[in-house]
Amino acid sequence: GSPYLRKALFSAALVASQHDPVLKAFYEKKRSEGKHHLTALGAVSRKLCYIIFAILKKNEAYEIRQ
């Protein structure tokens, strides 16, 4: 894939894994499973990709769940 898109997704995933409660819990779950930091971040990027696609498809705003 595009290295520019990958870098953008990883940057967004890093921020999201620190501030979004759902993605933060997902990241911490992957880390507790013994995954490396970058592997867990890759999983968050993939999940974020699905979220972005759903937002664009439904044309709705993203609301952070508590």
PDB file of N, CA and C in Angstrom:
ATOM      1  N   GLY A   1       0.820  -1.194   0.000  1.00  0.00           N
ATOM      2  CA  GLY A   1       0.000   0.000   0.000  1.00  0.00           C
ATOM      3  C   GLY A   1       0.857   1.247   0.000  1.00  0.00           C
ATOM      4  N   SER A   2       0.182   2.347  -0.013  1.00  0.00           N
ATOM      5  CA  SER A   2       0.849   3.644  -0.036  1.00  0.00           C
ATOM      6  C   SER A   2       1.561   3.914   1.293  1.00  0.00           C
ATOM      7  N   PRO A   3       2.849   4.239   1.240  1.00  0.00           N
ATOM      8  CA  PRO A   3       3.558   4.537   2.487  1.00  0.00           C
ATOM      9  C   PRO A   3       3.045   5.819   3.146  1.00  0.00           C
ATOM     10  N   TYR A   4       2.532   6.752   2.348  1.00  0.00           N
ATOM     11  CA  TYR A   4       2.002   8.006   2.886  1.00  0.00           C
ATOM     12  C   TYR A   4       0.706   7.750   3.656  1.00  0.00           C
ATOM     13  N   LEU A   5      -0.154   6.916   3.079  1.00  0.00           N
ATOM     14  CA  LEU A   5      -1.407   6.566   3.749  1.00  0.00           C
ATOM     15  C   LEU A   5      -1.122   5.779   5.023  1.00  0.00           C
ATOM     16  N   ARG A   6      -0.169   4.849   4.953  1.00  0.00           N
ATOM     17  CA  ARG A   6       0.189   4.048   6.124  1.00  0.00           C
ATOM     18  C   ARG A   6       0.695   4.942   7.251  1.00  0.00           C
ATOM     19  N   LYS A   7       1.545   5.911   6.909  1.00  0.00           N
ATOM     20  CA  LYS A   7       2.081   6.822   7.920  1.00  0.00           C
ATOM     21  C   LYS A   7       0.969   7.665   8.532  1.00  0.00           C
ATOM     22  N   ALA A   8       0.041   8.144   7.687  1.00  0.00           N
ATOM     23  CA  ALA A   8      -1.079   8.950   8.180  1.00  0.00           C
ATOM     24  C   ALA A   8      -1.973   8.123   9.106  1.00  0.00           C
ATOM     25  N   LEU A   9      -2.246   6.872   8.717  1.00  0.00           N
ATOM     26  CA  LEU A   9      -3.092   6.009   9.550  1.00  0.00           C
ATOM     27  C   LEU A   9      -2.412   5.678  10.876  1.00  0.00           C
ATOM     28  N   PHE A  10      -1.106   5.409  10.839  1.00  0.00           N
ATOM     29  CA  PHE A  10      -0.395   5.098  12.076  1.00  0.00           C
ATOM     30  C   PHE A  10      -0.353   6.307  12.997  1.00  0.00           C
ATOM     31  N   SER A  11      -0.180   7.505  12.427  1.00  0.00           N
ATOM     32  CA  SER A  11      -0.175   8.724  13.243  1.00  0.00           C
ATOM     33  C   SER A  11      -1.540   8.938  13.888  1.00  0.00           C
ATOM     34  N   ALA A  12      -2.595   8.758  13.098  1.00  0.00           N
ATOM     35  CA  ALA A  12      -3.956   8.909  13.622  1.00  0.00           C
ATOM     36  C   ALA A  12      -4.245   7.842  14.677  1.00  0.00           C
ATOM     37  N   ALA A  13      -3.771   6.622  14.444  1.00  0.00           N
ATOM     38  CA  ALA A  13      -3.996   5.527  15.392  1.00  0.00           C
ATOM     39  C   ALA A  13      -3.270   5.787  16.708  1.00  0.00           C
ATOM     40  N   LEU A  14      -2.087   6.375  16.632  1.00  0.00           N
ATOM     41  CA  LEU A  14      -1.329   6.684  17.841  1.00  0.00           C
ATOM     42  C   LEU A  14      -2.100   7.670  18.708  1.00  0.00           C
ATOM     43  N   VAL A  15      -2.612   8.730  18.093  1.00  0.00           N
ATOM     44  CA  VAL A  15      -3.378   9.740  18.831  1.00  0.00           C
ATOM     45  C   VAL A  15      -4.686   9.137  19.344  1.00  0.00           C
ATOM     46  N   ALA A  16      -5.376   8.389  18.483  1.00  0.00           N
ATOM     47  CA  ALA A  16      -6.659   7.793  18.864  1.00  0.00           C
ATOM     48  C   ALA A  16      -6.490   6.795  20.005  1.00  0.00           C
ATOM     49  N   SER A  17      -5.401   6.041  19.994  1.00  0.00           N
ATOM     50  CA  SER A  17      -5.188   5.043  21.047  1.00  0.00           C
ATOM     51  C   SER A  17      -4.875   5.695  22.390  1.00  0.00           C
ATOM     52  N   GLN A  18      -4.586   6.979  22.385  1.00  0.00           N
ATOM     53  CA  GLN A  18      -4.326   7.695  23.630  1.00  0.00           C
ATOM     54  C   GLN A  18      -5.547   8.469  24.121  1.00  0.00           C
ATOM     55  N   HIS A  19      -6.454   8.849  23.196  1.00  0.00           N
ATOM     56  CA  HIS A  19      -7.552   9.741  23.573  1.00  0.00           C
ATOM     57  C   HIS A  19      -8.947   9.155  23.415  1.00  0.00           C
ATOM     58  N   ASP A  20      -9.137   8.196  22.541  1.00  0.00           N
ATOM     59  CA  ASP A  20     -10.455   7.582  22.349  1.00  0.00           C
ATOM     60  C   ASP A  20     -10.564   6.384  23.290  1.00  0.00           C
ATOM     61  N   PRO A  21     -11.543   6.381  24.207  1.00  0.00           N
ATOM     62  CA  PRO A  21     -11.631   5.296  25.198  1.00  0.00           C
ATOM     63  C   PRO A  21     -11.770   3.897  24.586  1.00  0.00           C
ATOM     64  N   VAL A  22     -12.538   3.769  23.505  1.00  0.00           N
ATOM     65  CA  VAL A  22     -12.744   2.458  22.880  1.00  0.00           C
ATOM     66  C   VAL A  22     -11.449   1.966  22.240  1.00  0.00           C
ATOM     67  N   LEU A  23     -10.792   2.835  21.484  1.00  0.00           N
ATOM     68  CA  LEU A  23      -9.549   2.440  20.817  1.00  0.00           C
ATOM     69  C   LEU A  23      -8.405   2.269  21.819  1.00  0.00           C
ATOM     70  N   LYS A  24      -8.445   3.044  22.897  1.00  0.00           N
ATOM     71  CA  LYS A  24      -7.431   2.894  23.941  1.00  0.00           C
ATOM     72  C   LYS A  24      -7.556   1.520  24.598  1.00  0.00           C
ATOM     73  N   ALA A  25      -8.796   1.106  24.892  1.00  0.00           N
ATOM     74  CA  ALA A  25      -9.028  -0.214  25.489  1.00  0.00           C
ATOM     75  C   ALA A  25      -8.610  -1.320  24.521  1.00  0.00           C
ATOM     76  N   PHE A  26      -8.884  -1.125  23.226  1.00  0.00           N
ATOM     77  CA  PHE A  26      -8.502  -2.106  22.211  1.00  0.00           C
ATOM     78  C   PHE A  26      -6.978  -2.230  22.137  1.00  0.00           C
ATOM     79  N   TYR A  27      -6.280  -1.090  22.151  1.00  0.00           N
ATOM     80  CA  TYR A  27      -4.812  -1.083  22.124  1.00  0.00           C
ATOM     81  C   TYR A  27      -4.252  -1.803  23.357  1.00  0.00           C
ATOM     82  N   GLU A  28      -4.791  -1.468  24.528  1.00  0.00           N
ATOM     83  CA  GLU A  28      -4.303  -2.082  25.766  1.00  0.00           C
ATOM     84  C   GLU A  28      -4.592  -3.585  25.794  1.00  0.00           C
ATOM     85  N   LYS A  29      -5.712  -4.011  25.199  1.00  0.00           N
ATOM     86  CA  LYS A  29      -6.040  -5.437  25.109  1.00  0.00           C
ATOM     87  C   LYS A  29      -4.991  -6.158  24.266  1.00  0.00           C
ATOM     88  N   LYS A  30      -4.632  -5.555  23.134  1.00  0.00           N
ATOM     89  CA  LYS A  30      -3.622  -6.163  22.259  1.00  0.00           C
ATOM     90  C   LYS A  30      -2.271  -6.237  22.967  1.00  0.00           C
ATOM     91  N   ARG A  31      -1.927  -5.183  23.713  1.00  0.00           N
ATOM     92  CA  ARG A  31      -0.651  -5.179  24.436  1.00  0.00           C
ATOM     93  C   ARG A  31      -0.650  -6.244  25.533  1.00  0.00           C
ATOM     94  N   SER A  32      -1.800  -6.418  26.197  1.00  0.00           N
ATOM     95  CA  SER A  32      -1.878  -7.427  27.261  1.00  0.00           C
ATOM     96  C   SER A  32      -1.817  -8.841  26.692  1.00  0.00           C
ATOM     97  N   GLU A  33      -2.150  -8.989  25.408  1.00  0.00           N
ATOM     98  CA  GLU A  33      -2.026 -10.287  24.739  1.00  0.00           C
ATOM     99  C   GLU A  33      -0.574 -10.582  24.368  1.00  0.00           C
ATOM    100  N   GLY A  34       0.312  -9.618  24.633  1.00  0.00           N
ATOM    101  CA  GLY A  34       1.726  -9.818  24.348  1.00  0.00           C
ATOM    102  C   GLY A  34       2.177  -9.267  23.011  1.00  0.00           C
ATOM    103  N   LYS A  35       1.313  -8.500  22.354  1.00  0.00           N
ATOM    104  CA  LYS A  35       1.662  -7.929  21.049  1.00  0.00           C
ATOM    105  C   LYS A  35       2.648  -6.779  21.228  1.00  0.00           C
ATOM    106  N   HIS A  36       3.536  -6.617  20.264  1.00  0.00           N
ATOM    107  CA  HIS A  36       4.486  -5.511  20.246  1.00  0.00           C
ATOM    108  C   HIS A  36       3.717  -4.207  20.038  1.00  0.00           C
ATOM    109  N   HIS A  37       4.307  -3.101  20.471  1.00  0.00           N
ATOM    110  CA  HIS A  37       3.670  -1.779  20.347  1.00  0.00           C
ATOM    111  C   HIS A  37       3.219  -1.501  18.913  1.00  0.00           C
ATOM    112  N   LEU A  38       4.090  -1.746  17.941  1.00  0.00           N
ATOM    113  CA  LEU A  38       3.745  -1.445  16.547  1.00  0.00           C
ATOM    114  C   LEU A  38       2.690  -2.400  15.994  1.00  0.00           C
ATOM    115  N   THR A  39       2.679  -3.632  16.463  1.00  0.00           N
ATOM    116  CA  THR A  39       1.654  -4.588  16.040  1.00  0.00           C
ATOM    117  C   THR A  39       0.294  -4.157  16.576  1.00  0.00           C
ATOM    118  N   ALA A  40       0.262  -3.742  17.839  1.00  0.00           N
ATOM    119  CA  ALA A  40      -0.984  -3.269  18.443  1.00  0.00           C
ATOM    120  C   ALA A  40      -1.454  -1.993  17.750  1.00  0.00           C
ATOM    121  N   LEU A  41      -0.514  -1.128  17.409  1.00  0.00           N
ATOM    122  CA  LEU A  41      -0.856   0.113  16.711  1.00  0.00           C
ATOM    123  C   LEU A  41      -1.388  -0.190  15.313  1.00  0.00           C
ATOM    124  N   GLY A  42      -0.844  -1.203  14.672  1.00  0.00           N
ATOM    125  CA  GLY A  42      -1.345  -1.628  13.366  1.00  0.00           C
ATOM    126  C   GLY A  42      -2.777  -2.123  13.463  1.00  0.00           C
ATOM    127  N   ALA A  43      -3.096  -2.832  14.542  1.00  0.00           N
ATOM    128  CA  ALA A  43      -4.466  -3.311  14.755  1.00  0.00           C
ATOM    129  C   ALA A  43      -5.413  -2.134  14.984  1.00  0.00           C
ATOM    130  N   VAL A  44      -4.944  -1.129  15.721  1.00  0.00           N
ATOM    131  CA  VAL A  44      -5.753   0.077  15.945  1.00  0.00           C
ATOM    132  C   VAL A  44      -5.958   0.812  14.624  1.00  0.00           C
ATOM    133  N   SER A  45      -4.921   0.878  13.783  1.00  0.00           N
ATOM    134  CA  SER A  45      -5.062   1.549  12.479  1.00  0.00           C
ATOM    135  C   SER A  45      -6.103   0.857  11.620  1.00  0.00           C
ATOM    136  N   ARG A  46      -6.092  -0.468  11.647  1.00  0.00           N
ATOM    137  CA  ARG A  46      -7.066  -1.224  10.853  1.00  0.00           C
ATOM    138  C   ARG A  46      -8.486  -0.947  11.355  1.00  0.00           C
ATOM    139  N   LYS A  47      -8.653  -0.946  12.674  1.00  0.00           N
ATOM    140  CA  LYS A  47      -9.970  -0.663  13.265  1.00  0.00           C
ATOM    141  C   LYS A  47     -10.387   0.773  12.930  1.00  0.00           C
ATOM    142  N   LEU A  48      -9.444   1.690  12.980  1.00  0.00           N
ATOM    143  CA  LEU A  48      -9.711   3.089  12.646  1.00  0.00           C
ATOM    144  C   LEU A  48     -10.118   3.225  11.185  1.00  0.00           C
ATOM    145  N   CYS A  49      -9.517   2.432  10.335  1.00  0.00           N
ATOM    146  CA  CYS A  49      -9.856   2.427   8.912  1.00  0.00           C
ATOM    147  C   CYS A  49     -11.320   2.024   8.718  1.00  0.00           C
ATOM    148  N   TYR A  50     -11.758   0.996   9.441  1.00  0.00           N
ATOM    149  CA  TYR A  50     -13.156   0.569   9.371  1.00  0.00           C
ATOM    150  C   TYR A  50     -14.090   1.669   9.889  1.00  0.00           C
ATOM    151  N   ILE A  51     -13.681   2.349  10.952  1.00  0.00           N
ATOM    152  CA  ILE A  51     -14.488   3.436  11.513  1.00  0.00           C
ATOM    153  C   ILE A  51     -14.607   4.575  10.507  1.00  0.00           C
ATOM    154  N   ILE A  52     -13.484   4.951   9.875  1.00  0.00           N
ATOM    155  CA  ILE A  52     -13.487   6.027   8.880  1.00  0.00           C
ATOM    156  C   ILE A  52     -14.391   5.662   7.710  1.00  0.00           C
ATOM    157  N   PHE A  53     -14.307   4.414   7.248  1.00  0.00           N
ATOM    158  CA  PHE A  53     -15.146   3.972   6.137  1.00  0.00           C
ATOM    159  C   PHE A  53     -16.627   4.057   6.506  1.00  0.00           C
ATOM    160  N   ALA A  54     -16.974   3.627   7.718  1.00  0.00           N
ATOM    161  CA  ALA A  54     -18.370   3.665   8.171  1.00  0.00           C
ATOM    162  C   ALA A  54     -18.877   5.100   8.269  1.00  0.00           C
ATOM    163  N   ILE A  55     -18.025   6.006   8.738  1.00  0.00           N
ATOM    164  CA  ILE A  55     -18.403   7.420   8.839  1.00  0.00           C
ATOM    165  C   ILE A  55     -18.690   7.985   7.453  1.00  0.00           C
ATOM    166  N   LEU A  56     -17.820   7.682   6.508  1.00  0.00           N
ATOM    167  CA  LEU A  56     -18.008   8.190   5.146  1.00  0.00           C
ATOM    168  C   LEU A  56     -19.222   7.557   4.473  1.00  0.00           C
ATOM    169  N   LYS A  57     -19.439   6.270   4.720  1.00  0.00           N
ATOM    170  CA  LYS A  57     -20.554   5.567   4.095  1.00  0.00           C
ATOM    171  C   LYS A  57     -21.901   6.064   4.624  1.00  0.00           C
ATOM    172  N   LYS A  58     -21.981   6.248   5.945  1.00  0.00           N
ATOM    173  CA  LYS A  58     -23.237   6.673   6.571  1.00  0.00           C
ATOM    174  C   LYS A  58     -23.420   8.189   6.567  1.00  0.00           C
ATOM    175  N   ASN A  59     -22.326   8.910   6.287  1.00  0.00           N
ATOM    176  CA  ASN A  59     -22.343  10.376   6.278  1.00  0.00           C
ATOM    177  C   ASN A  59     -22.802  10.928   7.632  1.00  0.00           C
ATOM    178  N   GLU A  60     -22.239  10.372   8.695  1.00  0.00           N
ATOM    179  CA  GLU A  60     -22.568  10.793  10.049  1.00  0.00           C
ATOM    180  C   GLU A  60     -21.297  11.239  10.769  1.00  0.00           C
ATOM    181  N   ALA A  61     -21.487  12.042  11.800  1.00  0.00           N
ATOM    182  CA  ALA A  61     -20.359  12.485  12.610  1.00  0.00           C
ATOM    183  C   ALA A  61     -19.946  11.361  13.560  1.00  0.00           C
ATOM    184  N   TYR A  62     -18.674  11.335  13.918  1.00  0.00           N
ATOM    185  CA  TYR A  62     -18.172  10.326  14.852  1.00  0.00           C
ATOM    186  C   TYR A  62     -18.375  10.827  16.268  1.00  0.00           C
ATOM    187  N   GLU A  63     -18.983  10.001  17.088  1.00  0.00           N
ATOM    188  CA  GLU A  63     -19.192  10.351  18.489  1.00  0.00           C
ATOM    189  C   GLU A  63     -18.382   9.391  19.346  1.00  0.00           C
ATOM    190  N   ILE A  64     -17.571   9.949  20.213  1.00  0.00           N
ATOM    191  CA  ILE A  64     -16.745   9.130  21.099  1.00  0.00           C
ATOM    192  C   ILE A  64     -17.629   8.549  22.190  1.00  0.00           C
ATOM    193  N   ARG A  65     -17.605   7.217  22.313  1.00  0.00           N
ATOM    194  CA  ARG A  65     -18.374   6.545  23.369  1.00  0.00           C
ATOM    195  C   ARG A  65     -17.553   6.535  24.647  1.00  0.00           C
ATOM    196  N   GLN A  66     -18.201   6.717  25.760  1.00  0.00           N
ATOM    197  CA  GLN A  66     -17.499   6.739  27.049  1.00  0.00           C
ATOM    198  C   GLN A  66     -17.424   5.393  27.670  1.00  0.00           C
TER     199      GLN A  66
END
